[in-house]
Amino acid sequence: MTAFSSLKIERSAWQTILTCTLALWLGGSLVLDMVVVPSLWAAGMMTQPGFASAGYLTFGWFNHCELMLAGIVLTGVLAIERNRRWGETQKLFEIGLAALLLAIALIDTYLMTPHLSALGLQLNLFDPAIGMPEGMISMHLGYWALELLKFGSVGTLLALFGRNS
């Protein structure tokens, strides 16, 4: 087996890993954002006093899974792009998207989820919270902006690497 054919096999394996990881991430995010969260909202669970801690636990686990998936995606993109000699602009674009996905996962894990959970925590048992706290609306807008950016980045990388595998 020549060095070129083993490189081709390695590239093919990384493309498969990358495509599966991106598809899993996109599917999981869509289920969480389009099925689980609206179901909790419709059931009235988001107004319950214990929802902030339950939400922190749920989103915390999912965010840590996203960190793992972002690490796999960045590693896969770097492994695929390592030996490519042409298309420097596309190479930098793909590496930039993978790095952006890692940054979004880090922001969600260590900034958005803890702050949203802290805003939703009810600390005074004698003064029940009615409605959503003021700062939570802007945090939700930021979260959804990051989610749209994540969906666009995952979809773009999936289109770029999925067509070649």
Protein backbone atom coordinates (compact mmCIF):
# COMPACT_ATOMS: atom_id res chain seq x y z
CA MET A 1 0.00 0.00 0.00
CA THR A 2 1.46 3.35 -0.97
CA ALA A 3 1.62 6.39 1.25
CA PHE A 4 -0.96 8.13 -0.93
CA SER A 5 -3.54 5.36 -0.59
CA SER A 6 -3.10 5.17 3.20
CA LEU A 7 -3.54 8.95 3.33
CA LYS A 8 -6.73 8.56 1.30
CA ILE A 9 -8.04 5.90 3.71
CA GLU A 10 -7.18 8.08 6.71
CA ARG A 11 -8.94 11.07 5.13
CA SER A 12 -11.99 8.93 4.36
CA ALA A 13 -12.17 7.65 7.93
CA TRP A 14 -11.93 11.17 9.34
CA GLN A 15 -14.61 12.39 6.95
CA THR A 16 -16.92 9.63 8.11
CA ILE A 17 -16.23 10.41 11.78
CA LEU A 18 -16.73 14.10 11.12
CA THR A 19 -19.96 13.63 9.19
CA CYS A 20 -21.44 11.33 11.86
CA THR A 21 -20.41 13.67 14.68
CA LEU A 22 -21.88 16.72 12.96
CA ALA A 23 -25.13 14.87 12.18
CA LEU A 24 -25.41 13.66 15.79
CA TRP A 25 -24.77 17.15 17.11
CA LEU A 26 -27.27 18.77 14.77
CA GLY A 27 -29.93 16.16 15.54
CA GLY A 28 -29.43 16.38 19.30
CA SER A 29 -29.57 20.17 19.26
CA LEU A 30 -32.71 20.19 17.16
CA VAL A 31 -34.44 17.70 19.46
CA LEU A 32 -33.49 19.69 22.55
CA ASP A 33 -34.40 23.10 21.10
CA MET A 34 -37.44 22.17 19.05
CA VAL A 35 -39.02 19.32 21.07
CA VAL A 36 -37.85 19.21 24.69
CA VAL A 37 -37.82 22.92 25.55
CA PRO A 38 -41.19 23.72 23.92
CA SER A 39 -42.71 20.66 25.63
CA LEU A 40 -41.46 21.84 29.02
CA TRP A 41 -42.79 25.33 28.29
CA ALA A 42 -46.22 24.02 27.22
CA ALA A 43 -46.45 21.78 30.29
CA GLY A 44 -45.82 24.75 32.57
CA MET A 45 -42.73 23.22 34.10
CA MET A 46 -40.65 26.34 33.50
CA THR A 47 -42.68 28.22 36.10
CA GLN A 48 -42.03 25.62 38.81
CA PRO A 49 -39.56 26.64 41.54
CA GLY A 50 -37.22 23.68 40.96
CA PHE A 51 -36.96 24.16 37.22
CA ALA A 52 -33.77 26.25 37.36
CA SER A 53 -31.77 23.47 39.00
CA ALA A 54 -33.31 20.80 36.76
CA GLY A 55 -32.60 22.96 33.70
CA TYR A 56 -29.03 23.51 34.84
CA LEU A 57 -28.53 19.77 35.19
CA THR A 58 -30.10 18.95 31.81
CA PHE A 59 -28.41 21.71 29.84
CA GLY A 60 -25.16 21.22 31.73
CA TRP A 61 -24.93 17.60 30.62
CA PHE A 62 -25.88 18.48 27.07
CA ASN A 63 -23.35 21.33 26.97
CA HIS A 64 -20.59 19.01 28.14
CA CYS A 65 -21.55 16.58 25.38
CA GLU A 66 -21.37 19.51 22.97
CA LEU A 67 -17.85 20.28 24.20
CA MET A 68 -16.83 16.71 23.43
CA LEU A 69 -18.45 16.85 19.99
CA ALA A 70 -16.81 20.22 19.26
CA GLY A 71 -13.42 18.73 20.19
CA ILE A 72 -14.00 15.80 17.83
CA VAL A 73 -15.08 18.16 15.04
CA LEU A 74 -12.05 20.43 15.46
CA THR A 75 -9.72 17.42 15.58
CA GLY A 76 -11.35 15.92 12.49
CA VAL A 77 -11.13 19.15 10.52
CA LEU A 78 -7.48 19.62 11.48
CA ALA A 79 -6.69 15.99 10.57
CA ILE A 80 -8.38 16.30 7.19
CA GLU A 81 -6.85 19.68 6.40
CA ARG A 82 -3.36 18.68 7.57
CA ASN A 83 -2.19 17.35 4.22
CA ARG A 84 -4.31 19.36 1.83
CA ARG A 85 -2.09 21.48 -0.39
CA TRP A 86 -4.77 23.40 -2.28
CA GLY A 87 -7.61 25.65 -1.25
CA GLU A 88 -6.01 27.63 1.57
CA THR A 89 -9.05 29.89 1.83
CA GLN A 90 -11.44 26.95 2.17
CA LYS A 91 -9.05 25.28 4.64
CA LEU A 92 -9.02 28.39 6.86
CA PHE A 93 -12.80 28.74 6.53
CA GLU A 94 -13.40 25.14 7.66
CA ILE A 95 -10.93 25.42 10.55
CA GLY A 96 -12.54 28.73 11.53
CA LEU A 97 -16.01 27.17 11.58
CA ALA A 98 -14.78 24.28 13.73
CA ALA A 99 -13.10 26.72 16.13
CA LEU A 100 -16.30 28.80 16.22
CA LEU A 101 -18.28 25.69 17.19
CA LEU A 102 -15.86 25.04 20.05
CA ALA A 103 -16.18 28.68 21.17
CA ILE A 104 -19.99 28.45 21.11
CA ALA A 105 -19.91 25.24 23.17
CA LEU A 106 -17.57 26.90 25.69
CA ILE A 107 -19.80 30.00 25.94
CA ASP A 108 -22.92 27.86 26.39
CA THR A 109 -21.27 25.62 29.00
CA TYR A 110 -19.46 28.16 31.14
CA LEU A 111 -21.40 31.39 30.61
CA MET A 112 -24.96 31.02 29.34
CA THR A 113 -26.20 27.96 31.24
CA PRO A 114 -24.87 29.02 34.68
CA HIS A 115 -26.17 32.57 34.27
CA LEU A 116 -29.60 31.51 33.00
CA SER A 117 -29.91 29.03 35.86
CA ALA A 118 -28.85 31.65 38.41
CA LEU A 119 -31.42 34.11 37.08
CA GLY A 120 -34.15 31.47 37.29
CA LEU A 121 -33.34 30.38 40.83
CA GLN A 122 -35.93 31.36 43.39
CA LEU A 123 -34.11 32.31 46.56
CA ASN A 124 -36.99 33.84 48.54
CA LEU A 125 -39.60 31.25 49.47
CA PHE A 126 -42.04 33.89 50.74
CA ASP A 127 -41.99 35.98 47.56
CA PRO A 128 -42.90 33.71 44.66
CA ALA A 129 -41.49 34.79 41.33
CA ILE A 130 -44.09 35.64 38.75
CA GLY A 131 -42.99 35.58 35.15
CA MET A 132 -39.52 35.64 33.74
CA PRO A 133 -36.81 37.75 35.42
CA GLU A 134 -35.79 40.87 33.46
CA GLY A 135 -32.25 39.81 32.58
CA MET A 136 -33.36 36.40 31.36
CA ILE A 137 -35.01 37.74 28.20
CA SER A 138 -31.76 39.20 26.86
CA MET A 139 -29.91 36.03 27.87
CA HIS A 140 -32.44 33.93 25.94
CA LEU A 141 -31.96 36.16 22.89
CA GLY A 142 -28.20 35.65 23.17
CA TYR A 143 -28.68 31.90 23.56
CA TRP A 144 -30.87 31.70 20.46
CA ALA A 145 -28.42 33.82 18.46
CA LEU A 146 -25.66 31.37 19.41
CA GLU A 147 -27.92 28.44 18.52
CA LEU A 148 -28.64 29.88 15.07
CA LEU A 149 -24.92 30.46 14.55
CA LYS A 150 -24.25 26.89 15.68
CA PHE A 151 -26.89 25.45 13.35
CA GLY A 152 -25.46 27.42 10.43
CA SER A 153 -21.89 26.36 11.19
CA VAL A 154 -22.76 22.69 11.70
CA GLY A 155 -24.90 22.68 8.56
CA THR A 156 -22.14 24.32 6.50
CA LEU A 157 -19.48 21.87 7.72
CA LEU A 158 -21.86 18.97 7.18
CA ALA A 159 -22.46 20.12 3.62
CA LEU A 160 -18.74 20.60 2.97
CA PHE A 161 -17.57 17.30 4.40
CA GLY A 162 -20.70 15.20 3.86
CA ARG A 163 -20.59 15.52 0.10
CA ASN A 164 -17.04 14.17 -0.06
CA SER A 165 -17.51 11.09 2.11
